[in-house]
């Protein structure tokens, strides 16, 4: 009986020990952002070289005007190297050109999630917001792009268009003026400056700046040529206002 009792006692103590050990809570080790990203998309799946080839092919399709094939090819490039901001920017901008605002925004935001200070991605996303009518978002995005790259004419030009649509004419004039100083040989900023002055009820300055655009590109004498400003970020209302300026110049 004594031996049986000792055996039962040892078994009981062992079970109690196991229960106590099991009761200790498990503590998870916090993973870094990089580790989490590697779990979501393991590095061995990345093929940067192949992604580069697909980016070149996609760009070639886009230059040929075949946006559908360009987007399909650039999606493959982005999947092969998802953390490369250049691939996401190419994809997002091509989707924007095809008129797909939502996927374009998603691709450009993906680029910025990996490279928050990537100025080309900020420029492109700001334009997508502008064309889509998300003016406050366009201002915030282009402002950040200008902060990161003070000589960024694209950001100031689009800031002018966004501010003009928001009715903030002083800011529109200031941004357009900076754009003309950064790229004086480009007629687009001069037209934007003319538009901003016109909205501020300063027709002499508006017509003077429009004439400066004419000196750089004589096609601005034609009404039909103004329609191309839609591709340069102008809204239909802004194109209509530009036509009023053109007539005021006497053309």
C-alpha atoms as a PDB file:
ATOM      1  CA  UNK A   1       0.000   0.000   0.000  1.00  0.00           C
ATOM      2  CA  UNK A   2       2.816   2.381   0.749  1.00  0.00           C
ATOM      3  CA  UNK A   3       4.360   1.905  -2.664  1.00  0.00           C
ATOM      4  CA  UNK A   4       0.962   2.391  -4.377  1.00  0.00           C
ATOM      5  CA  UNK A   5       0.402   5.570  -2.379  1.00  0.00           C
ATOM      6  CA  UNK A   6       3.822   6.932  -3.320  1.00  0.00           C
ATOM      7  CA  UNK A   7       3.133   6.168  -6.987  1.00  0.00           C
ATOM      8  CA  UNK A   8      -0.202   7.965  -6.934  1.00  0.00           C
ATOM      9  CA  UNK A   9       1.399  10.898  -5.185  1.00  0.00           C
ATOM     10  CA  UNK A  10       4.093  11.211  -7.835  1.00  0.00           C
ATOM     11  CA  UNK A  11       1.524  11.069 -10.649  1.00  0.00           C
ATOM     12  CA  UNK A  12      -0.604  13.729  -8.936  1.00  0.00           C
ATOM     13  CA  UNK A  13       2.378  16.026  -8.466  1.00  0.00           C
ATOM     14  CA  UNK A  14       3.334  15.591 -12.108  1.00  0.00           C
ATOM     15  CA  UNK A  15      -0.187  16.483 -13.273  1.00  0.00           C
ATOM     16  CA  UNK A  16      -0.245  19.564 -11.060  1.00  0.00           C
ATOM     17  CA  UNK A  17       3.094  20.633 -12.467  1.00  0.00           C
ATOM     18  CA  UNK A  18       1.812  20.247 -16.011  1.00  0.00           C
ATOM     19  CA  UNK A  19      -1.304  22.267 -15.214  1.00  0.00           C
ATOM     20  CA  UNK A  20       0.741  25.056 -13.665  1.00  0.00           C
ATOM     21  CA  UNK A  21       3.064  25.132 -16.654  1.00  0.00           C
ATOM     22  CA  UNK A  22       0.151  25.232 -19.099  1.00  0.00           C
ATOM     23  CA  UNK A  23      -1.430  28.143 -17.239  1.00  0.00           C
ATOM     24  CA  UNK A  24       1.466  30.502 -18.058  1.00  0.00           C
ATOM     25  CA  UNK A  25       0.170  32.847 -20.748  1.00  0.00           C
ATOM     26  CA  UNK A  26       1.956  32.861 -24.132  1.00  0.00           C
ATOM     27  CA  UNK A  27       3.413  36.185 -25.150  1.00  0.00           C
ATOM     28  CA  UNK A  28       3.792  36.965 -28.820  1.00  0.00           C
ATOM     29  CA  UNK A  29       6.922  38.752 -30.012  1.00  0.00           C
ATOM     30  CA  UNK A  30       6.159  41.985 -31.873  1.00  0.00           C
ATOM     31  CA  UNK A  31       7.237  41.848 -35.526  1.00  0.00           C
ATOM     32  CA  UNK A  32       8.696  44.767 -37.431  1.00  0.00           C
ATOM     33  CA  UNK A  33       6.899  46.267 -40.410  1.00  0.00           C
ATOM     34  CA  UNK A  34       9.504  44.762 -42.705  1.00  0.00           C
ATOM     35  CA  UNK A  35       8.970  41.317 -41.183  1.00  0.00           C
ATOM     36  CA  UNK A  36       5.215  41.593 -41.616  1.00  0.00           C
ATOM     37  CA  UNK A  37       5.657  42.648 -45.242  1.00  0.00           C
ATOM     38  CA  UNK A  38       7.965  39.709 -45.848  1.00  0.00           C
ATOM     39  CA  UNK A  39       5.346  37.381 -44.403  1.00  0.00           C
ATOM     40  CA  UNK A  40       2.676  38.896 -46.660  1.00  0.00           C
ATOM     41  CA  UNK A  41       4.937  38.770 -49.734  1.00  0.00           C
ATOM     42  CA  UNK A  42       8.049  36.602 -49.205  1.00  0.00           C
ATOM     43  CA  UNK A  43      11.223  38.012 -50.805  1.00  0.00           C
ATOM     44  CA  UNK A  44      11.761  34.831 -52.841  1.00  0.00           C
ATOM     45  CA  UNK A  45       8.678  35.748 -54.892  1.00  0.00           C
ATOM     46  CA  UNK A  46      10.227  39.064 -55.998  1.00  0.00           C
ATOM     47  CA  UNK A  47      11.794  39.077 -59.460  1.00  0.00           C
ATOM     48  CA  UNK A  48      13.095  42.593 -60.012  1.00  0.00           C
ATOM     49  CA  UNK A  49      14.736  41.764 -63.322  1.00  0.00           C
ATOM     50  CA  UNK A  50      11.584  40.313 -64.857  1.00  0.00           C
ATOM     51  CA  UNK A  51       9.552  43.199 -63.412  1.00  0.00           C
ATOM     52  CA  UNK A  52      11.861  45.636 -65.194  1.00  0.00           C
ATOM     53  CA  UNK A  53      11.248  43.899 -68.515  1.00  0.00           C
ATOM     54  CA  UNK A  54       7.493  44.011 -68.019  1.00  0.00           C
ATOM     55  CA  UNK A  55       7.667  47.709 -67.132  1.00  0.00           C
ATOM     56  CA  UNK A  56       9.466  48.441 -70.390  1.00  0.00           C
ATOM     57  CA  UNK A  57       6.935  46.389 -72.356  1.00  0.00           C
ATOM     58  CA  UNK A  58       4.035  48.090 -70.617  1.00  0.00           C
ATOM     59  CA  UNK A  59       5.483  51.525 -71.321  1.00  0.00           C
ATOM     60  CA  UNK A  60       5.899  50.589 -74.990  1.00  0.00           C
ATOM     61  CA  UNK A  61       2.245  49.509 -75.195  1.00  0.00           C
ATOM     62  CA  UNK A  62       1.219  52.821 -73.597  1.00  0.00           C
ATOM     63  CA  UNK A  63       3.248  54.831 -76.098  1.00  0.00           C
ATOM     64  CA  UNK A  64       1.489  52.911 -78.863  1.00  0.00           C
ATOM     65  CA  UNK A  65      -1.866  53.920 -77.397  1.00  0.00           C
ATOM     66  CA  UNK A  66      -2.786  50.375 -76.350  1.00  0.00           C
ATOM     67  CA  UNK A  67      -3.748  51.202 -72.770  1.00  0.00           C
ATOM     68  CA  UNK A  68      -5.494  47.897 -72.083  1.00  0.00           C
ATOM     69  CA  UNK A  69      -2.392  45.831 -72.854  1.00  0.00           C
ATOM     70  CA  UNK A  70      -0.218  48.387 -71.078  1.00  0.00           C
ATOM     71  CA  UNK A  71      -2.242  48.087 -67.878  1.00  0.00           C
ATOM     72  CA  UNK A  72      -2.255  44.274 -68.024  1.00  0.00           C
ATOM     73  CA  UNK A  73       1.515  44.186 -68.511  1.00  0.00           C
ATOM     74  CA  UNK A  74       2.231  46.758 -65.824  1.00  0.00           C
ATOM     75  CA  UNK A  75       0.077  44.806 -63.369  1.00  0.00           C
ATOM     76  CA  UNK A  76       2.397  41.839 -63.865  1.00  0.00           C
ATOM     77  CA  UNK A  77       5.412  44.096 -63.290  1.00  0.00           C
ATOM     78  CA  UNK A  78       3.885  45.422 -60.071  1.00  0.00           C
ATOM     79  CA  UNK A  79       3.086  41.900 -58.866  1.00  0.00           C
ATOM     80  CA  UNK A  80       6.655  40.750 -59.486  1.00  0.00           C
ATOM     81  CA  UNK A  81       8.157  43.676 -57.580  1.00  0.00           C
ATOM     82  CA  UNK A  82       5.364  45.198 -55.450  1.00  0.00           C
ATOM     83  CA  UNK A  83       7.621  47.368 -53.277  1.00  0.00           C
ATOM     84  CA  UNK A  84       9.143  49.183 -56.268  1.00  0.00           C
ATOM     85  CA  UNK A  85       7.468  52.620 -56.436  1.00  0.00           C
ATOM     86  CA  UNK A  86       8.374  53.127 -60.100  1.00  0.00           C
ATOM     87  CA  UNK A  87       6.295  50.132 -61.109  1.00  0.00           C
ATOM     88  CA  UNK A  88       3.293  51.309 -59.114  1.00  0.00           C
ATOM     89  CA  UNK A  89       3.602  54.837 -60.536  1.00  0.00           C
ATOM     90  CA  UNK A  90       3.722  53.559 -64.104  1.00  0.00           C
ATOM     91  CA  UNK A  91       0.679  51.381 -63.450  1.00  0.00           C
ATOM     92  CA  UNK A  92      -1.256  54.097 -61.637  1.00  0.00           C
ATOM     93  CA  UNK A  93      -0.543  56.766 -64.223  1.00  0.00           C
ATOM     94  CA  UNK A  94      -1.529  54.456 -67.079  1.00  0.00           C
ATOM     95  CA  UNK A  95      -4.771  53.620 -65.295  1.00  0.00           C
ATOM     96  CA  UNK A  96      -5.356  57.353 -64.872  1.00  0.00           C
ATOM     97  CA  UNK A  97      -4.837  57.922 -68.603  1.00  0.00           C
ATOM     98  CA  UNK A  98      -7.394  55.188 -69.265  1.00  0.00           C
ATOM     99  CA  UNK A  99      -9.903  56.933 -67.004  1.00  0.00           C
ATOM    100  CA  UNK A 100      -9.792  54.481 -64.085  1.00  0.00           C
ATOM    101  CA  UNK A 101      -9.476  56.822 -61.107  1.00  0.00           C
ATOM    102  CA  UNK A 102     -10.028  54.306 -58.293  1.00  0.00           C
ATOM    103  CA  UNK A 103      -7.400  51.709 -59.314  1.00  0.00           C
ATOM    104  CA  UNK A 104      -5.000  54.517 -60.243  1.00  0.00           C
ATOM    105  CA  UNK A 105      -5.367  55.951 -56.755  1.00  0.00           C
ATOM    106  CA  UNK A 106      -4.826  52.525 -55.187  1.00  0.00           C
ATOM    107  CA  UNK A 107      -1.634  51.886 -57.176  1.00  0.00           C
ATOM    108  CA  UNK A 108      -0.172  55.299 -56.358  1.00  0.00           C
ATOM    109  CA  UNK A 109      -1.070  54.981 -52.685  1.00  0.00           C
ATOM    110  CA  UNK A 110       0.655  51.589 -52.704  1.00  0.00           C
ATOM    111  CA  UNK A 111       3.798  53.262 -54.041  1.00  0.00           C
ATOM    112  CA  UNK A 112       3.654  55.831 -51.261  1.00  0.00           C
ATOM    113  CA  UNK A 113       3.051  53.202 -48.598  1.00  0.00           C
ATOM    114  CA  UNK A 114       6.524  51.847 -49.356  1.00  0.00           C
ATOM    115  CA  UNK A 115       8.186  55.164 -50.293  1.00  0.00           C
ATOM    116  CA  UNK A 116       6.273  58.014 -48.594  1.00  0.00           C
ATOM    117  CA  UNK A 117       8.598  60.682 -50.009  1.00  0.00           C
ATOM    118  CA  UNK A 118       8.555  59.485 -53.616  1.00  0.00           C
ATOM    119  CA  UNK A 119       7.859  62.755 -55.438  1.00  0.00           C
ATOM    120  CA  UNK A 120       6.757  61.247 -58.804  1.00  0.00           C
ATOM    121  CA  UNK A 121       4.108  59.230 -56.947  1.00  0.00           C
ATOM    122  CA  UNK A 122       2.926  62.349 -55.106  1.00  0.00           C
ATOM    123  CA  UNK A 123       2.797  64.334 -58.353  1.00  0.00           C
ATOM    124  CA  UNK A 124       0.802  61.620 -60.101  1.00  0.00           C
ATOM    125  CA  UNK A 125      -1.582  61.054 -57.188  1.00  0.00           C
ATOM    126  CA  UNK A 126      -2.180  64.797 -56.878  1.00  0.00           C
ATOM    127  CA  UNK A 127      -3.168  64.964 -60.539  1.00  0.00           C
ATOM    128  CA  UNK A 128      -5.501  61.986 -60.164  1.00  0.00           C
ATOM    129  CA  UNK A 129      -7.170  63.726 -57.233  1.00  0.00           C
ATOM    130  CA  UNK A 130      -7.398  66.986 -59.198  1.00  0.00           C
ATOM    131  CA  UNK A 131      -9.009  65.419 -62.255  1.00  0.00           C
ATOM    132  CA  UNK A 132     -11.346  63.394 -60.040  1.00  0.00           C
ATOM    133  CA  UNK A 133     -12.526  66.583 -58.305  1.00  0.00           C
ATOM    134  CA  UNK A 134     -10.973  65.741 -54.924  1.00  0.00           C
ATOM    135  CA  UNK A 135      -9.556  69.226 -54.619  1.00  0.00           C
ATOM    136  CA  UNK A 136      -8.592  69.269 -50.943  1.00  0.00           C
ATOM    137  CA  UNK A 137      -6.730  65.990 -51.375  1.00  0.00           C
ATOM    138  CA  UNK A 138      -5.042  67.373 -54.500  1.00  0.00           C
ATOM    139  CA  UNK A 139      -3.861  70.447 -52.574  1.00  0.00           C
ATOM    140  CA  UNK A 140      -2.532  68.370 -49.680  1.00  0.00           C
ATOM    141  CA  UNK A 141      -0.712  65.945 -51.971  1.00  0.00           C
ATOM    142  CA  UNK A 142       0.869  68.578 -54.208  1.00  0.00           C
ATOM    143  CA  UNK A 143       1.816  70.694 -51.204  1.00  0.00           C
ATOM    144  CA  UNK A 144       3.735  67.734 -49.810  1.00  0.00           C
ATOM    145  CA  UNK A 145       5.409  67.179 -53.196  1.00  0.00           C
ATOM    146  CA  UNK A 146       6.483  70.838 -53.293  1.00  0.00           C
ATOM    147  CA  UNK A 147       7.830  70.622 -49.743  1.00  0.00           C
ATOM    148  CA  UNK A 148       9.979  67.639 -50.667  1.00  0.00           C
ATOM    149  CA  UNK A 149      11.122  69.168 -53.970  1.00  0.00           C
ATOM    150  CA  UNK A 150      10.917  72.991 -53.993  1.00  0.00           C
ATOM    151  CA  UNK A 151      11.734  73.212 -57.718  1.00  0.00           C
ATOM    152  CA  UNK A 152       8.794  70.937 -58.559  1.00  0.00           C
ATOM    153  CA  UNK A 153       6.988  72.890 -61.283  1.00  0.00           C
ATOM    154  CA  UNK A 154       4.367  70.154 -61.686  1.00  0.00           C
ATOM    155  CA  UNK A 155       3.225  70.525 -58.091  1.00  0.00           C
ATOM    156  CA  UNK A 156       2.907  74.324 -58.252  1.00  0.00           C
ATOM    157  CA  UNK A 157       1.110  74.243 -61.593  1.00  0.00           C
ATOM    158  CA  UNK A 158      -1.490  71.790 -60.344  1.00  0.00           C
ATOM    159  CA  UNK A 159      -1.798  73.616 -57.030  1.00  0.00           C
ATOM    160  CA  UNK A 160      -2.786  76.698 -59.025  1.00  0.00           C
ATOM    161  CA  UNK A 161      -5.533  74.801 -60.860  1.00  0.00           C
ATOM    162  CA  UNK A 162      -6.834  73.267 -57.621  1.00  0.00           C
ATOM    163  CA  UNK A 163      -6.810  76.590 -55.736  1.00  0.00           C
ATOM    164  CA  UNK A 164      -8.599  78.315 -58.624  1.00  0.00           C
ATOM    165  CA  UNK A 165     -11.386  75.756 -58.525  1.00  0.00           C
ATOM    166  CA  UNK A 166     -11.635  76.213 -54.765  1.00  0.00           C
ATOM    167  CA  UNK A 167     -12.031  79.968 -55.234  1.00  0.00           C
ATOM    168  CA  UNK A 168      -8.734  80.722 -53.460  1.00  0.00           C
ATOM    169  CA  UNK A 169      -7.433  83.109 -56.098  1.00  0.00           C
ATOM    170  CA  UNK A 170      -4.495  84.551 -54.147  1.00  0.00           C
ATOM    171  CA  UNK A 171      -3.052  81.097 -53.596  1.00  0.00           C
ATOM    172  CA  UNK A 172      -3.783  80.203 -57.237  1.00  0.00           C
ATOM    173  CA  UNK A 173      -1.878  83.250 -58.488  1.00  0.00           C
ATOM    174  CA  UNK A 174       1.075  82.611 -56.180  1.00  0.00           C
ATOM    175  CA  UNK A 175       1.348  78.946 -57.182  1.00  0.00           C
ATOM    176  CA  UNK A 176       1.064  79.681 -60.907  1.00  0.00           C
ATOM    177  CA  UNK A 177       3.625  82.473 -60.628  1.00  0.00           C
ATOM    178  CA  UNK A 178       6.076  80.044 -59.028  1.00  0.00           C
ATOM    179  CA  UNK A 179       5.394  77.516 -61.792  1.00  0.00           C
ATOM    180  CA  UNK A 180       6.183  80.098 -64.491  1.00  0.00           C
ATOM    181  CA  UNK A 181       9.438  80.981 -62.731  1.00  0.00           C
ATOM    182  CA  UNK A 182      10.452  77.338 -62.504  1.00  0.00           C
ATOM    183  CA  UNK A 183       9.568  76.528 -66.123  1.00  0.00           C
ATOM    184  CA  UNK A 184       9.218  79.775 -68.120  1.00  0.00           C
ATOM    185  CA  UNK A 185       9.346  78.005 -71.475  1.00  0.00           C
ATOM    186  CA  UNK A 186       6.220  75.929 -70.800  1.00  0.00           C
ATOM    187  CA  UNK A 187       2.980  77.678 -71.897  1.00  0.00           C
ATOM    188  CA  UNK A 188       0.756  75.709 -69.472  1.00  0.00           C
ATOM    189  CA  UNK A 189       1.805  77.620 -66.322  1.00  0.00           C
ATOM    190  CA  UNK A 190       1.262  80.933 -68.135  1.00  0.00           C
ATOM    191  CA  UNK A 191      -2.261  79.891 -69.078  1.00  0.00           C
ATOM    192  CA  UNK A 192      -2.850  78.830 -65.470  1.00  0.00           C
ATOM    193  CA  UNK A 193      -1.567  82.218 -64.291  1.00  0.00           C
ATOM    194  CA  UNK A 194      -3.866  83.984 -66.767  1.00  0.00           C
ATOM    195  CA  UNK A 195      -6.782  81.909 -65.472  1.00  0.00           C
ATOM    196  CA  UNK A 196      -5.967  82.742 -61.841  1.00  0.00           C
ATOM    197  CA  UNK A 197      -5.799  86.484 -62.561  1.00  0.00           C
ATOM    198  CA  UNK A 198      -9.052  86.337 -64.513  1.00  0.00           C
ATOM    199  CA  UNK A 199     -10.753  84.642 -61.568  1.00  0.00           C
ATOM    200  CA  UNK A 200      -9.418  87.447 -59.358  1.00  0.00           C
ATOM    201  CA  UNK A 201     -11.098  89.971 -61.709  1.00  0.00           C
ATOM    202  CA  UNK A 202      -7.744  91.244 -62.980  1.00  0.00           C
ATOM    203  CA  UNK A 203      -8.325  91.080 -66.731  1.00  0.00           C
ATOM    204  CA  UNK A 204      -5.228  93.150 -67.723  1.00  0.00           C
ATOM    205  CA  UNK A 205      -2.910  90.700 -65.974  1.00  0.00           C
ATOM    206  CA  UNK A 206      -4.905  87.754 -67.311  1.00  0.00           C
ATOM    207  CA  UNK A 207      -4.597  88.871 -70.938  1.00  0.00           C
ATOM    208  CA  UNK A 208      -0.929  89.802 -70.498  1.00  0.00           C
ATOM    209  CA  UNK A 209      -0.088  86.324 -69.238  1.00  0.00           C
ATOM    210  CA  UNK A 210      -2.166  84.709 -71.955  1.00  0.00           C
ATOM    211  CA  UNK A 211      -0.165  86.652 -74.541  1.00  0.00           C
ATOM    212  CA  UNK A 212       2.984  85.260 -72.931  1.00  0.00           C
ATOM    213  CA  UNK A 213       1.589  81.748 -73.490  1.00  0.00           C
ATOM    214  CA  UNK A 214       0.855  82.704 -77.110  1.00  0.00           C
ATOM    215  CA  UNK A 215       4.468  83.785 -77.595  1.00  0.00           C
ATOM    216  CA  UNK A 216       5.517  80.262 -76.602  1.00  0.00           C
ATOM    217  CA  UNK A 217       2.830  78.375 -78.515  1.00  0.00           C
ATOM    218  CA  UNK A 218       0.827  80.138 -81.218  1.00  0.00           C
ATOM    219  CA  UNK A 219      -1.787  77.372 -81.264  1.00  0.00           C
ATOM    220  CA  UNK A 220      -3.467  79.085 -78.301  1.00  0.00           C
ATOM    221  CA  UNK A 221      -4.994  81.462 -80.847  1.00  0.00           C
ATOM    222  CA  UNK A 222      -7.388  78.652 -81.849  1.00  0.00           C
ATOM    223  CA  UNK A 223     -10.472  77.761 -79.842  1.00  0.00           C
ATOM    224  CA  UNK A 224     -10.282  74.083 -80.758  1.00  0.00           C
ATOM    225  CA  UNK A 225      -6.745  73.863 -79.389  1.00  0.00           C
ATOM    226  CA  UNK A 226      -7.941  74.784 -75.914  1.00  0.00           C
ATOM    227  CA  UNK A 227      -9.638  71.408 -75.607  1.00  0.00           C
ATOM    228  CA  UNK A 228      -6.216  69.800 -75.118  1.00  0.00           C
ATOM    229  CA  UNK A 229      -6.017  71.595 -71.755  1.00  0.00           C
ATOM    230  CA  UNK A 230      -8.212  68.832 -70.337  1.00  0.00           C
ATOM    231  CA  UNK A 231      -5.168  66.557 -70.619  1.00  0.00           C
ATOM    232  CA  UNK A 232      -3.201  69.216 -68.734  1.00  0.00           C
ATOM    233  CA  UNK A 233      -5.518  69.105 -65.715  1.00  0.00           C
ATOM    234  CA  UNK A 234      -7.967  71.889 -66.627  1.00  0.00           C
ATOM    235  CA  UNK A 235     -11.621  71.237 -65.820  1.00  0.00           C
ATOM    236  CA  UNK A 236     -14.288  71.891 -68.495  1.00  0.00           C
ATOM    237  CA  UNK A 237     -15.244  75.079 -66.605  1.00  0.00           C
ATOM    238  CA  UNK A 238     -11.643  76.243 -66.595  1.00  0.00           C
ATOM    239  CA  UNK A 239     -11.364  75.602 -70.327  1.00  0.00           C
ATOM    240  CA  UNK A 240     -14.490  77.703 -70.844  1.00  0.00           C
ATOM    241  CA  UNK A 241     -12.973  80.523 -68.802  1.00  0.00           C
ATOM    242  CA  UNK A 242      -9.761  80.282 -70.828  1.00  0.00           C
ATOM    243  CA  UNK A 243     -11.845  80.771 -73.958  1.00  0.00           C
ATOM    244  CA  UNK A 244     -13.171  84.013 -72.447  1.00  0.00           C
ATOM    245  CA  UNK A 245      -9.579  85.158 -71.908  1.00  0.00           C
ATOM    246  CA  UNK A 246      -8.679  84.209 -75.488  1.00  0.00           C
ATOM    247  CA  UNK A 247     -11.548  86.345 -76.797  1.00  0.00           C
ATOM    248  CA  UNK A 248     -10.536  89.203 -74.520  1.00  0.00           C
ATOM    249  CA  UNK A 249      -7.090  89.151 -76.094  1.00  0.00           C
ATOM    250  CA  UNK A 250      -8.867  89.817 -79.392  1.00  0.00           C
ATOM    251  CA  UNK A 251      -8.497  86.447 -81.059  1.00  0.00           C
END
